Amino acid sequence: MTNKPRAYSLKQLYEMENADDGFILTVINIFLEYVPASTNELVNACAKEDWDTVYFIAHKLKANVNLLNIELIKEDVRFIENAAKTKTNLEQIASKAKIVNNTIQQAAAEMKEDFNL
C-alpha cells in the first residue's frame, strides 16, 4: 500500500475481531465486484428520476461507505437516501450521485492499486 492519502480507510475493518489479511481482501474484492457498478446504476436511476431505485441503491451503499470509511461521501449518501425516500430536494440528488460515483470509482482504483488487483 502507498502512503498517499486515500479515499477509503481500512481502519474499521482491522479493528474487527478476527480480521486478518484474508478477510480484508475478501471485503475489498466484494466491494470491487458490486459497489462501482451500483454507483453507475445510481447515476442512471437519477437520470430516469426513478427515486425508488435511487433510494434502494443509496441505502445499500451506506453500509459499504461506512465500513470502508469513505468519509468524503458519507453525508452525500445519507442525503440521497433520505431525499429519494421522502421525494424532497430532488433537484440536488443527481449532482450528489455524480460525486458519490466519482468518489467510489476513485476508491476502487486505489484499492486495485493498493492490493495489486
Protein backbone atom coordinates (compact mmCIF):
# COMPACT_ATOMS: atom_id res chain seq x y z
CA MET A 1 0.00 0.00 0.00
CA THR A 2 1.02 3.54 -0.63
CA ASN A 3 1.35 6.33 1.90
CA LYS A 4 -0.64 8.74 -0.29
CA PRO A 5 -3.96 9.92 1.14
CA ARG A 6 -6.74 7.57 0.10
CA ALA A 7 -10.48 7.99 -0.42
CA TYR A 8 -11.00 4.95 1.80
CA SER A 9 -9.62 3.59 5.07
CA LEU A 10 -9.32 0.03 6.36
CA LYS A 11 -9.03 1.13 9.99
CA GLN A 12 -12.53 -0.01 10.92
CA LEU A 13 -12.04 -3.37 9.20
CA TYR A 14 -8.78 -4.04 11.01
CA GLU A 15 -10.48 -3.24 14.33
CA MET A 16 -13.00 -6.06 13.81
CA GLU A 17 -12.48 -9.23 15.76
CA ASN A 18 -10.79 -11.97 13.69
CA ALA A 19 -9.97 -9.53 10.88
CA ASP A 20 -6.93 -10.87 9.07
CA ASP A 21 -5.48 -10.09 5.66
CA GLY A 22 -7.64 -12.76 4.01
CA PHE A 23 -10.80 -11.22 5.45
CA ILE A 24 -9.74 -7.73 4.36
CA LEU A 25 -9.02 -8.96 0.84
CA THR A 26 -12.43 -10.67 0.68
CA VAL A 27 -14.17 -7.43 1.68
CA ILE A 28 -12.16 -5.49 -0.90
CA ASN A 29 -12.97 -7.99 -3.65
CA ILE A 30 -16.69 -7.93 -2.84
CA PHE A 31 -16.62 -4.13 -2.82
CA LEU A 32 -14.89 -4.03 -6.20
CA GLU A 33 -17.29 -6.55 -7.70
CA TYR A 34 -20.50 -4.78 -6.71
CA VAL A 35 -20.16 -1.22 -5.49
CA PRO A 36 -18.71 0.64 -8.50
CA ALA A 37 -21.42 -0.87 -10.71
CA SER A 38 -24.05 0.15 -8.14
CA THR A 39 -22.96 3.77 -8.21
CA ASN A 40 -23.16 3.77 -12.01
CA GLU A 41 -26.72 2.43 -11.61
CA LEU A 42 -27.39 5.19 -9.08
CA VAL A 43 -26.47 7.87 -11.62
CA ASN A 44 -28.62 6.18 -14.28
CA ALA A 45 -31.59 5.91 -11.91
CA CYS A 46 -31.26 9.63 -11.14
CA ALA A 47 -31.33 10.43 -14.85
CA LYS A 48 -34.56 8.45 -15.13
CA GLU A 49 -35.93 10.06 -11.97
CA ASP A 50 -36.53 6.56 -10.59
CA TRP A 51 -36.47 7.68 -6.97
CA ASP A 52 -37.39 4.28 -5.52
CA THR A 53 -34.33 2.73 -7.18
CA VAL A 54 -32.20 5.69 -6.13
CA TYR A 55 -33.31 5.16 -2.52
CA PHE A 56 -32.67 1.40 -2.68
CA ILE A 57 -29.15 1.80 -4.10
CA ALA A 58 -28.21 4.61 -1.69
CA HIS A 59 -29.47 2.54 1.23
CA LYS A 60 -27.27 -0.39 0.17
CA LEU A 61 -24.27 1.88 -0.44
CA LYS A 62 -24.42 3.36 3.03
CA ALA A 63 -23.06 0.21 4.70
CA ASN A 64 -20.11 -0.06 2.31
CA VAL A 65 -19.28 3.62 2.61
CA ASN A 66 -19.33 3.34 6.39
CA LEU A 67 -17.38 0.08 6.53
CA LEU A 68 -14.59 1.42 4.32
CA ASN A 69 -14.67 4.89 5.90
CA ILE A 70 -15.21 6.76 2.65
CA GLU A 71 -15.64 9.99 4.58
CA LEU A 72 -15.87 12.25 1.52
CA ILE A 73 -19.33 10.95 0.64
CA LYS A 74 -20.91 9.69 3.87
CA GLU A 75 -23.19 12.71 4.15
CA ASP A 76 -23.99 12.72 0.41
CA VAL A 77 -25.13 9.09 0.51
CA ARG A 78 -27.35 9.80 3.51
CA PHE A 79 -28.75 12.88 1.78
CA ILE A 80 -29.51 10.93 -1.41
CA GLU A 81 -31.14 8.12 0.55
CA ASN A 82 -33.36 10.47 2.56
CA ALA A 83 -34.24 12.79 -0.33
CA ALA A 84 -35.18 9.91 -2.62
CA LYS A 85 -37.22 8.24 0.11
CA THR A 86 -39.13 11.39 1.00
CA LYS A 87 -39.19 12.75 -2.57
CA THR A 88 -37.73 16.06 -1.38
CA ASN A 89 -34.81 18.12 -2.69
CA LEU A 90 -34.96 16.03 -5.86
CA GLU A 91 -33.09 18.68 -7.86
CA GLN A 92 -29.98 18.09 -5.72
CA ILE A 93 -29.83 14.31 -5.94
CA ALA A 94 -28.27 13.89 -9.40
CA SER A 95 -25.27 16.14 -8.69
CA LYS A 96 -24.63 14.38 -5.38
CA ALA A 97 -24.98 10.99 -7.08
CA LYS A 98 -22.25 12.01 -9.54
CA ILE A 99 -19.97 12.98 -6.66
CA VAL A 100 -20.68 9.64 -4.96
CA ASN A 101 -20.00 7.76 -8.19
CA ASN A 102 -16.72 9.60 -8.85
CA THR A 103 -15.52 9.02 -5.30
CA ILE A 104 -16.42 5.32 -5.37
CA GLN A 105 -14.65 4.90 -8.71
CA GLN A 106 -11.59 6.65 -7.24
CA ALA A 107 -11.65 4.44 -4.13
CA ALA A 108 -11.99 1.33 -6.32
CA ALA A 109 -8.99 2.38 -8.43
CA GLU A 110 -6.96 3.00 -5.26
CA MET A 111 -7.91 -0.42 -3.86
CA LYS A 112 -6.87 -2.12 -7.09
CA GLU A 113 -3.54 -0.31 -6.95
CA ASP A 114 -3.01 -0.94 -3.24
CA PHE A 115 -3.83 -4.65 -3.46
CA ASN A 116 -2.43 -5.29 -6.95
CA LEU A 117 -5.83 -6.41 -8.23
